[in-house]
Amino acid sequence: MATQTESSTDMGVGLALVLGAVAVIGAGLMFVGAPDLTAAWGFGAAVLFSCLAVVAIHLYWD
């Protein structure tokens, strides 16, 4: 008898959502601090956390 297994974990999806939310906050920081060094930190945070969100999905998705 064949059993059906879950192909993704809730941890991967939840982690990707949290990291995506932090990336959106970083993008907002980039928008608010446009001509200043704050925009560079916001851009760095947005890129870093969006990449980590993609990595989380790939690590926990079977």
C-alpha atoms as a PDB file:
ATOM      1  CA  MET A   1       0.000   0.000   0.000  1.00  0.00           C
ATOM      2  CA  ALA A   2       1.428   3.357  -1.034  1.00  0.00           C
ATOM      3  CA  THR A   3       1.411   6.251   1.352  1.00  0.00           C
ATOM      4  CA  GLN A   4       1.504   9.871   0.397  1.00  0.00           C
ATOM      5  CA  THR A   5       4.140  12.062   2.001  1.00  0.00           C
ATOM      6  CA  GLU A   6       4.311  15.806   2.362  1.00  0.00           C
ATOM      7  CA  SER A   7       6.798  17.256  -0.125  1.00  0.00           C
ATOM      8  CA  SER A   8       7.486  20.509   1.678  1.00  0.00           C
ATOM      9  CA  THR A   9       7.923  21.421   5.293  1.00  0.00           C
ATOM     10  CA  ASP A  10       6.228  24.201   7.150  1.00  0.00           C
ATOM     11  CA  MET A  11       9.597  25.333   8.464  1.00  0.00           C
ATOM     12  CA  GLY A  12      10.914  26.125   4.990  1.00  0.00           C
ATOM     13  CA  VAL A  13       7.823  28.082   4.013  1.00  0.00           C
ATOM     14  CA  GLY A  14       7.679  29.958   7.314  1.00  0.00           C
ATOM     15  CA  LEU A  15      11.365  30.775   7.227  1.00  0.00           C
ATOM     16  CA  ALA A  16      11.057  32.041   3.658  1.00  0.00           C
ATOM     17  CA  LEU A  17       8.097  34.237   4.639  1.00  0.00           C
ATOM     18  CA  VAL A  18       9.956  35.743   7.607  1.00  0.00           C
ATOM     19  CA  LEU A  19      13.084  36.385   5.544  1.00  0.00           C
ATOM     20  CA  GLY A  20      10.958  37.843   2.756  1.00  0.00           C
ATOM     21  CA  ALA A  21       9.309  40.205   5.224  1.00  0.00           C
ATOM     22  CA  VAL A  22      12.718  41.371   6.459  1.00  0.00           C
ATOM     23  CA  ALA A  23      13.773  41.883   2.832  1.00  0.00           C
ATOM     24  CA  VAL A  24      10.709  44.077   2.268  1.00  0.00           C
ATOM     25  CA  ILE A  25      11.616  46.108   5.359  1.00  0.00           C
ATOM     26  CA  GLY A  26      15.134  46.523   3.934  1.00  0.00           C
ATOM     27  CA  ALA A  27      13.683  47.702   0.629  1.00  0.00           C
ATOM     28  CA  GLY A  28      11.530  50.198   2.506  1.00  0.00           C
ATOM     29  CA  LEU A  29      14.592  51.420   4.361  1.00  0.00           C
ATOM     30  CA  MET A  30      16.309  51.836   1.017  1.00  0.00           C
ATOM     31  CA  PHE A  31      13.393  53.915  -0.251  1.00  0.00           C
ATOM     32  CA  VAL A  32      13.199  56.121   2.851  1.00  0.00           C
ATOM     33  CA  GLY A  33      16.927  56.815   3.134  1.00  0.00           C
ATOM     34  CA  ALA A  34      17.328  57.485  -0.591  1.00  0.00           C
ATOM     35  CA  PRO A  35      20.312  59.849  -0.892  1.00  0.00           C
ATOM     36  CA  ASP A  36      22.129  58.689   2.219  1.00  0.00           C
ATOM     37  CA  LEU A  37      24.199  55.774   3.507  1.00  0.00           C
ATOM     38  CA  THR A  38      20.990  54.360   4.996  1.00  0.00           C
ATOM     39  CA  ALA A  39      19.846  53.494   1.467  1.00  0.00           C
ATOM     40  CA  ALA A  40      22.973  51.413   0.952  1.00  0.00           C
ATOM     41  CA  TRP A  41      22.343  49.471   4.168  1.00  0.00           C
ATOM     42  CA  GLY A  42      18.715  48.976   3.146  1.00  0.00           C
ATOM     43  CA  PHE A  43      19.770  47.681  -0.253  1.00  0.00           C
ATOM     44  CA  GLY A  44      22.266  45.306   1.329  1.00  0.00           C
ATOM     45  CA  ALA A  45      19.650  43.993   3.755  1.00  0.00           C
ATOM     46  CA  ALA A  46      17.089  43.540   0.979  1.00  0.00           C
ATOM     47  CA  VAL A  47      19.502  41.594  -1.215  1.00  0.00           C
ATOM     48  CA  LEU A  48      20.873  39.484   1.634  1.00  0.00           C
ATOM     49  CA  PHE A  49      17.524  38.485   3.117  1.00  0.00           C
ATOM     50  CA  SER A  50      15.882  37.835  -0.241  1.00  0.00           C
ATOM     51  CA  CYS A  51      18.754  35.491  -1.128  1.00  0.00           C
ATOM     52  CA  LEU A  52      18.405  33.767   2.234  1.00  0.00           C
ATOM     53  CA  ALA A  53      14.671  33.333   1.613  1.00  0.00           C
ATOM     54  CA  VAL A  54      15.390  31.544  -1.672  1.00  0.00           C
ATOM     55  CA  VAL A  55      18.019  29.378   0.034  1.00  0.00           C
ATOM     56  CA  ALA A  56      15.548  28.465   2.800  1.00  0.00           C
ATOM     57  CA  ILE A  57      12.994  27.317   0.240  1.00  0.00           C
ATOM     58  CA  HIS A  58      15.571  25.219  -1.588  1.00  0.00           C
ATOM     59  CA  LEU A  59      16.967  23.653   1.583  1.00  0.00           C
ATOM     60  CA  TYR A  60      13.647  22.596   3.075  1.00  0.00           C
ATOM     61  CA  TRP A  61      11.754  21.713  -0.115  1.00  0.00           C
ATOM     62  CA  ASP A  62      12.107  18.004  -0.898  1.00  0.00           C
END
